[in-house]
C-alpha atoms as a PDB file:
ATOM      1  CA  UNK A   1      13.648  10.448 -25.373  1.00  0.00           C
ATOM      2  CA  UNK A   2       9.851  10.671 -25.370  1.00  0.00           C
ATOM      3  CA  UNK A   3       7.611   8.380 -27.419  1.00  0.00           C
ATOM      4  CA  UNK A   4       3.981   7.549 -28.146  1.00  0.00           C
ATOM      5  CA  UNK A   5       2.829   3.963 -28.689  1.00  0.00           C
ATOM      6  CA  UNK A   6      -0.132   3.168 -30.955  1.00  0.00           C
ATOM      7  CA  UNK A   7      -1.575  -0.342 -31.378  1.00  0.00           C
ATOM      8  CA  UNK A   8      -5.128  -1.691 -31.437  1.00  0.00           C
ATOM      9  CA  UNK A   9      -4.132  -4.701 -29.321  1.00  0.00           C
ATOM     10  CA  UNK A  10      -4.203  -3.627 -25.668  1.00  0.00           C
ATOM     11  CA  UNK A  11      -1.887  -6.464 -24.625  1.00  0.00           C
ATOM     12  CA  UNK A  12       0.672  -5.406 -27.231  1.00  0.00           C
ATOM     13  CA  UNK A  13       0.464  -1.782 -26.097  1.00  0.00           C
ATOM     14  CA  UNK A  14       1.051  -2.777 -22.483  1.00  0.00           C
ATOM     15  CA  UNK A  15       3.943  -5.081 -23.419  1.00  0.00           C
ATOM     16  CA  UNK A  16       5.596  -2.407 -25.559  1.00  0.00           C
ATOM     17  CA  UNK A  17       5.081   0.221 -22.858  1.00  0.00           C
ATOM     18  CA  UNK A  18       6.754  -2.047 -20.288  1.00  0.00           C
ATOM     19  CA  UNK A  19       9.713  -2.812 -22.574  1.00  0.00           C
ATOM     20  CA  UNK A  20      10.194   0.805 -23.650  1.00  0.00           C
ATOM     21  CA  UNK A  21       9.827   2.258 -20.163  1.00  0.00           C
ATOM     22  CA  UNK A  22      12.256  -0.290 -18.729  1.00  0.00           C
ATOM     23  CA  UNK A  23      14.921   1.000 -21.116  1.00  0.00           C
ATOM     24  CA  UNK A  24      14.610   4.515 -19.713  1.00  0.00           C
ATOM     25  CA  UNK A  25      12.488   5.924 -22.549  1.00  0.00           C
ATOM     26  CA  UNK A  26       9.488   7.986 -21.456  1.00  0.00           C
ATOM     27  CA  UNK A  27       6.105   6.896 -22.846  1.00  0.00           C
ATOM     28  CA  UNK A  28       4.037  10.088 -23.105  1.00  0.00           C
ATOM     29  CA  UNK A  29       0.807   8.413 -24.184  1.00  0.00           C
ATOM     30  CA  UNK A  30      -0.702   5.347 -25.822  1.00  0.00           C
ATOM     31  CA  UNK A  31      -3.484   5.057 -28.407  1.00  0.00           C
ATOM     32  CA  UNK A  32      -5.331   2.366 -30.298  1.00  0.00           C
ATOM     33  CA  UNK A  33      -5.991   3.650 -33.824  1.00  0.00           C
ATOM     34  CA  UNK A  34      -4.659   6.081 -36.403  1.00  0.00           C
ATOM     35  CA  UNK A  35      -7.051   8.855 -35.451  1.00  0.00           C
ATOM     36  CA  UNK A  36      -5.736   8.803 -31.884  1.00  0.00           C
ATOM     37  CA  UNK A  37      -2.184   8.723 -33.241  1.00  0.00           C
ATOM     38  CA  UNK A  38      -2.667  11.977 -35.138  1.00  0.00           C
ATOM     39  CA  UNK A  39      -4.364  13.687 -32.177  1.00  0.00           C
ATOM     40  CA  UNK A  40      -1.746  12.511 -29.689  1.00  0.00           C
ATOM     41  CA  UNK A  41       1.067  13.645 -31.976  1.00  0.00           C
ATOM     42  CA  UNK A  42      -0.449  17.119 -32.220  1.00  0.00           C
ATOM     43  CA  UNK A  43      -0.777  17.328 -28.427  1.00  0.00           C
ATOM     44  CA  UNK A  44       2.562  15.856 -27.352  1.00  0.00           C
ATOM     45  CA  UNK A  45       4.951  16.264 -30.321  1.00  0.00           C
ATOM     46  CA  UNK A  46       7.008  13.222 -29.209  1.00  0.00           C
ATOM     47  CA  UNK A  47      10.523  12.386 -30.357  1.00  0.00           C
ATOM     48  CA  UNK A  48       9.179   9.230 -31.986  1.00  0.00           C
ATOM     49  CA  UNK A  49       5.970   7.318 -32.624  1.00  0.00           C
ATOM     50  CA  UNK A  50       5.929   3.533 -32.420  1.00  0.00           C
ATOM     51  CA  UNK A  51       2.830   2.520 -34.395  1.00  0.00           C
ATOM     52  CA  UNK A  52       1.023  -0.563 -35.612  1.00  0.00           C
ATOM     53  CA  UNK A  53      -0.183  -0.671 -39.223  1.00  0.00           C
ATOM     54  CA  UNK A  54      -3.416  -2.665 -39.292  1.00  0.00           C
ATOM     55  CA  UNK A  55      -5.929  -0.799 -37.131  1.00  0.00           C
ATOM     56  CA  UNK A  56      -9.610   0.075 -37.412  1.00  0.00           C
ATOM     57  CA  UNK A  57     -10.893   3.622 -38.136  1.00  0.00           C
ATOM     58  CA  UNK A  58      -7.530   4.693 -39.584  1.00  0.00           C
ATOM     59  CA  UNK A  59      -4.551   2.437 -40.238  1.00  0.00           C
ATOM     60  CA  UNK A  60      -0.912   3.213 -39.522  1.00  0.00           C
ATOM     61  CA  UNK A  61      -0.058   4.107 -43.120  1.00  0.00           C
ATOM     62  CA  UNK A  62      -2.874   6.685 -43.305  1.00  0.00           C
ATOM     63  CA  UNK A  63      -1.897   8.071 -39.905  1.00  0.00           C
ATOM     64  CA  UNK A  64       1.752   8.282 -40.990  1.00  0.00           C
ATOM     65  CA  UNK A  65       0.784  10.362 -44.012  1.00  0.00           C
ATOM     66  CA  UNK A  66      -1.313  12.767 -41.923  1.00  0.00           C
ATOM     67  CA  UNK A  67       1.376  13.142 -39.246  1.00  0.00           C
ATOM     68  CA  UNK A  68       4.097  13.795 -41.821  1.00  0.00           C
ATOM     69  CA  UNK A  69       1.869  16.432 -43.409  1.00  0.00           C
ATOM     70  CA  UNK A  70       1.698  18.090 -39.989  1.00  0.00           C
ATOM     71  CA  UNK A  71       5.411  17.698 -39.361  1.00  0.00           C
ATOM     72  CA  UNK A  72       7.710  16.447 -42.158  1.00  0.00           C
ATOM     73  CA  UNK A  73      10.405  15.814 -39.535  1.00  0.00           C
ATOM     74  CA  UNK A  74       8.274  13.415 -37.487  1.00  0.00           C
ATOM     75  CA  UNK A  75      10.027  10.130 -36.730  1.00  0.00           C
ATOM     76  CA  UNK A  76       7.703   7.179 -37.156  1.00  0.00           C
ATOM     77  CA  UNK A  77       8.650   3.548 -36.594  1.00  0.00           C
ATOM     78  CA  UNK A  78       6.011   1.158 -37.891  1.00  0.00           C
ATOM     79  CA  UNK A  79       5.643  -2.243 -36.280  1.00  0.00           C
ATOM     80  CA  UNK A  80       3.441  -5.021 -37.629  1.00  0.00           C
ATOM     81  CA  UNK A  81       2.921  -8.762 -37.812  1.00  0.00           C
ATOM     82  CA  UNK A  82       2.481  -8.514 -41.579  1.00  0.00           C
ATOM     83  CA  UNK A  83       5.245  -8.570 -44.189  1.00  0.00           C
ATOM     84  CA  UNK A  84       2.973  -7.027 -46.817  1.00  0.00           C
ATOM     85  CA  UNK A  85       4.566  -5.631 -50.002  1.00  0.00           C
ATOM     86  CA  UNK A  86       2.001  -2.860 -50.392  1.00  0.00           C
ATOM     87  CA  UNK A  87       2.409  -1.670 -46.799  1.00  0.00           C
ATOM     88  CA  UNK A  88       6.206  -1.722 -47.010  1.00  0.00           C
ATOM     89  CA  UNK A  89       6.219   0.149 -50.315  1.00  0.00           C
ATOM     90  CA  UNK A  90       3.795   2.750 -48.913  1.00  0.00           C
ATOM     91  CA  UNK A  91       5.820   3.168 -45.720  1.00  0.00           C
ATOM     92  CA  UNK A  92       9.046   3.753 -47.637  1.00  0.00           C
ATOM     93  CA  UNK A  93       7.527   6.120 -50.189  1.00  0.00           C
ATOM     94  CA  UNK A  94       5.895   8.216 -47.442  1.00  0.00           C
ATOM     95  CA  UNK A  95       9.209   8.695 -45.676  1.00  0.00           C
ATOM     96  CA  UNK A  96       8.655   6.420 -42.695  1.00  0.00           C
ATOM     97  CA  UNK A  97      11.896   6.011 -40.713  1.00  0.00           C
ATOM     98  CA  UNK A  98      11.535   2.317 -39.968  1.00  0.00           C
ATOM     99  CA  UNK A  99       9.482  -0.820 -40.463  1.00  0.00           C
ATOM    100  CA  UNK A 100       9.956  -3.829 -38.208  1.00  0.00           C
ATOM    101  CA  UNK A 101       8.012  -7.012 -37.550  1.00  0.00           C
ATOM    102  CA  UNK A 102       6.508  -7.814 -34.159  1.00  0.00           C
ATOM    103  CA  UNK A 103       8.229 -11.184 -34.262  1.00  0.00           C
ATOM    104  CA  UNK A 104      11.443  -9.208 -33.703  1.00  0.00           C
ATOM    105  CA  UNK A 105      10.237  -7.693 -30.433  1.00  0.00           C
ATOM    106  CA  UNK A 106      13.742  -7.990 -28.972  1.00  0.00           C
ATOM    107  CA  UNK A 107      14.962  -5.488 -31.542  1.00  0.00           C
ATOM    108  CA  UNK A 108      12.476  -2.763 -30.590  1.00  0.00           C
ATOM    109  CA  UNK A 109      14.791  -0.705 -28.374  1.00  0.00           C
ATOM    110  CA  UNK A 110      17.782  -0.732 -30.773  1.00  0.00           C
ATOM    111  CA  UNK A 111      15.378   0.200 -33.587  1.00  0.00           C
ATOM    112  CA  UNK A 112      13.903   3.094 -31.584  1.00  0.00           C
ATOM    113  CA  UNK A 113      17.376   4.374 -30.713  1.00  0.00           C
ATOM    114  CA  UNK A 114      18.543   4.096 -34.315  1.00  0.00           C
ATOM    115  CA  UNK A 115      15.548   5.999 -35.693  1.00  0.00           C
ATOM    116  CA  UNK A 116      15.879   8.650 -32.978  1.00  0.00           C
ATOM    117  CA  UNK A 117      19.514   9.092 -34.033  1.00  0.00           C
ATOM    118  CA  UNK A 118      18.417   9.831 -37.586  1.00  0.00           C
ATOM    119  CA  UNK A 119      18.916   6.402 -39.131  1.00  0.00           C
ATOM    120  CA  UNK A 120      16.476   4.265 -41.084  1.00  0.00           C
ATOM    121  CA  UNK A 121      15.655   0.792 -39.780  1.00  0.00           C
ATOM    122  CA  UNK A 122      14.090  -2.074 -41.672  1.00  0.00           C
ATOM    123  CA  UNK A 123      13.525  -5.593 -40.367  1.00  0.00           C
ATOM    124  CA  UNK A 124      16.102  -8.156 -41.504  1.00  0.00           C
ATOM    125  CA  UNK A 125      13.313 -10.091 -43.270  1.00  0.00           C
ATOM    126  CA  UNK A 126      12.519  -6.999 -45.335  1.00  0.00           C
ATOM    127  CA  UNK A 127      16.051  -5.821 -46.196  1.00  0.00           C
ATOM    128  CA  UNK A 128      16.697  -8.458 -48.923  1.00  0.00           C
ATOM    129  CA  UNK A 129      13.690  -7.152 -50.844  1.00  0.00           C
ATOM    130  CA  UNK A 130      14.079  -3.456 -50.095  1.00  0.00           C
ATOM    131  CA  UNK A 131      15.367  -2.738 -53.602  1.00  0.00           C
ATOM    132  CA  UNK A 132      12.102  -4.065 -55.027  1.00  0.00           C
ATOM    133  CA  UNK A 133      10.061  -1.808 -52.746  1.00  0.00           C
ATOM    134  CA  UNK A 134      12.217   1.282 -53.183  1.00  0.00           C
ATOM    135  CA  UNK A 135      12.911   1.127 -56.889  1.00  0.00           C
ATOM    136  CA  UNK A 136       9.274   1.990 -57.620  1.00  0.00           C
ATOM    137  CA  UNK A 137       9.909   5.500 -56.311  1.00  0.00           C
ATOM    138  CA  UNK A 138      13.134   6.187 -58.254  1.00  0.00           C
ATOM    139  CA  UNK A 139      12.142   8.529 -61.047  1.00  0.00           C
ATOM    140  CA  UNK A 140      15.626   8.820 -62.614  1.00  0.00           C
ATOM    141  CA  UNK A 141      16.735   6.250 -65.193  1.00  0.00           C
ATOM    142  CA  UNK A 142      19.288   4.347 -63.107  1.00  0.00           C
ATOM    143  CA  UNK A 143      20.547   0.998 -64.335  1.00  0.00           C
ATOM    144  CA  UNK A 144      20.102  -2.058 -62.120  1.00  0.00           C
ATOM    145  CA  UNK A 145      23.812  -2.018 -61.270  1.00  0.00           C
ATOM    146  CA  UNK A 146      23.707   1.708 -60.423  1.00  0.00           C
ATOM    147  CA  UNK A 147      20.747   1.091 -58.159  1.00  0.00           C
ATOM    148  CA  UNK A 148      22.600  -1.786 -56.445  1.00  0.00           C
ATOM    149  CA  UNK A 149      25.492   0.590 -55.728  1.00  0.00           C
ATOM    150  CA  UNK A 150      23.158   3.407 -54.629  1.00  0.00           C
ATOM    151  CA  UNK A 151      21.558   1.073 -52.081  1.00  0.00           C
ATOM    152  CA  UNK A 152      24.943   0.040 -50.671  1.00  0.00           C
ATOM    153  CA  UNK A 153      26.147   3.654 -50.501  1.00  0.00           C
ATOM    154  CA  UNK A 154      22.968   4.451 -48.536  1.00  0.00           C
ATOM    155  CA  UNK A 155      23.796   1.588 -46.166  1.00  0.00           C
ATOM    156  CA  UNK A 156      27.152   3.264 -45.437  1.00  0.00           C
ATOM    157  CA  UNK A 157      29.508   0.901 -47.275  1.00  0.00           C
ATOM    158  CA  UNK A 158      32.760   2.304 -48.685  1.00  0.00           C
ATOM    159  CA  UNK A 159      34.012   1.646 -52.236  1.00  0.00           C
ATOM    160  CA  UNK A 160      36.111  -1.348 -51.210  1.00  0.00           C
ATOM    161  CA  UNK A 161      33.194  -2.980 -49.368  1.00  0.00           C
ATOM    162  CA  UNK A 162      30.843  -2.320 -52.280  1.00  0.00           C
ATOM    163  CA  UNK A 163      33.386  -3.769 -54.714  1.00  0.00           C
ATOM    164  CA  UNK A 164      33.731  -6.937 -52.632  1.00  0.00           C
ATOM    165  CA  UNK A 165      29.973  -7.331 -52.252  1.00  0.00           C
ATOM    166  CA  UNK A 166      29.238  -6.894 -55.970  1.00  0.00           C
ATOM    167  CA  UNK A 167      32.421  -8.607 -57.244  1.00  0.00           C
ATOM    168  CA  UNK A 168      33.658  -5.437 -58.956  1.00  0.00           C
ATOM    169  CA  UNK A 169      36.936  -3.535 -58.830  1.00  0.00           C
ATOM    170  CA  UNK A 170      37.174  -0.407 -56.675  1.00  0.00           C
ATOM    171  CA  UNK A 171      37.863   1.609 -59.821  1.00  0.00           C
ATOM    172  CA  UNK A 172      34.654   0.362 -61.417  1.00  0.00           C
ATOM    173  CA  UNK A 173      32.681   1.308 -58.301  1.00  0.00           C
ATOM    174  CA  UNK A 174      34.237   4.793 -58.341  1.00  0.00           C
ATOM    175  CA  UNK A 175      33.257   5.181 -61.990  1.00  0.00           C
ATOM    176  CA  UNK A 176      29.682   4.123 -61.296  1.00  0.00           C
ATOM    177  CA  UNK A 177      29.422   6.578 -58.400  1.00  0.00           C
ATOM    178  CA  UNK A 178      30.869   9.413 -60.500  1.00  0.00           C
ATOM    179  CA  UNK A 179      28.354   8.686 -63.247  1.00  0.00           C
ATOM    180  CA  UNK A 180      25.468   8.642 -60.766  1.00  0.00           C
ATOM    181  CA  UNK A 181      26.572  11.929 -59.190  1.00  0.00           C
ATOM    182  CA  UNK A 182      26.592  13.525 -62.633  1.00  0.00           C
ATOM    183  CA  UNK A 183      23.287  11.943 -63.664  1.00  0.00           C
ATOM    184  CA  UNK A 184      21.547  13.014 -60.458  1.00  0.00           C
ATOM    185  CA  UNK A 185      23.309  16.407 -60.207  1.00  0.00           C
ATOM    186  CA  UNK A 186      24.664  15.593 -56.733  1.00  0.00           C
ATOM    187  CA  UNK A 187      27.972  16.610 -55.124  1.00  0.00           C
ATOM    188  CA  UNK A 188      29.130  13.580 -53.128  1.00  0.00           C
ATOM    189  CA  UNK A 189      28.216  10.152 -51.754  1.00  0.00           C
ATOM    190  CA  UNK A 190      26.561  11.682 -48.693  1.00  0.00           C
ATOM    191  CA  UNK A 191      24.104  13.430 -50.992  1.00  0.00           C
ATOM    192  CA  UNK A 192      23.612  10.110 -52.811  1.00  0.00           C
ATOM    193  CA  UNK A 193      22.587   8.471 -49.529  1.00  0.00           C
ATOM    194  CA  UNK A 194      20.249  11.357 -48.681  1.00  0.00           C
ATOM    195  CA  UNK A 195      18.767  11.149 -52.181  1.00  0.00           C
ATOM    196  CA  UNK A 196      18.075   7.452 -51.714  1.00  0.00           C
ATOM    197  CA  UNK A 197      16.354   7.852 -48.351  1.00  0.00           C
ATOM    198  CA  UNK A 198      14.315  10.861 -49.464  1.00  0.00           C
ATOM    199  CA  UNK A 199      12.892   8.696 -52.212  1.00  0.00           C
END
């Protein structure tokens, strides 16, 4: 795997480069603001970009938008010290693959591997509130309970696990999923999960 690291703190960049390289991942280049991130992506087309959010000249959210306009399949993992609602909401709505906090530096490599494998990764401190961030982008009239189930389907839980988590019967969960599939004109639960992450 080949990555680019972008952060305006030189010490952070060096620390991340050391950690990432030690795991066998190749660091193609490093940069220190969003403008460099866009340029370096165009030059190197890495497998993944590990990028800070708060930077001068152009922040990580703006750079994410520009990079995804260049390549909708770009995999971007944002890393920040700030648990800011607006940033998280923007990251999710843009299609960012992950958002983790720098306090969780030990989880960087698993997060990189997960995103590279096609999964979405959000810091454990963000996950409890992810419904609040994501629901803003749902443009179909889903009920709160339907959205709860949609989120759990997207997390990979089966009907039994969803039923246990929400204190429902498996039959009730199946009915909810059937109704959502019809409402959203989707074929199966895999498409439900894809629908959730696209939004």
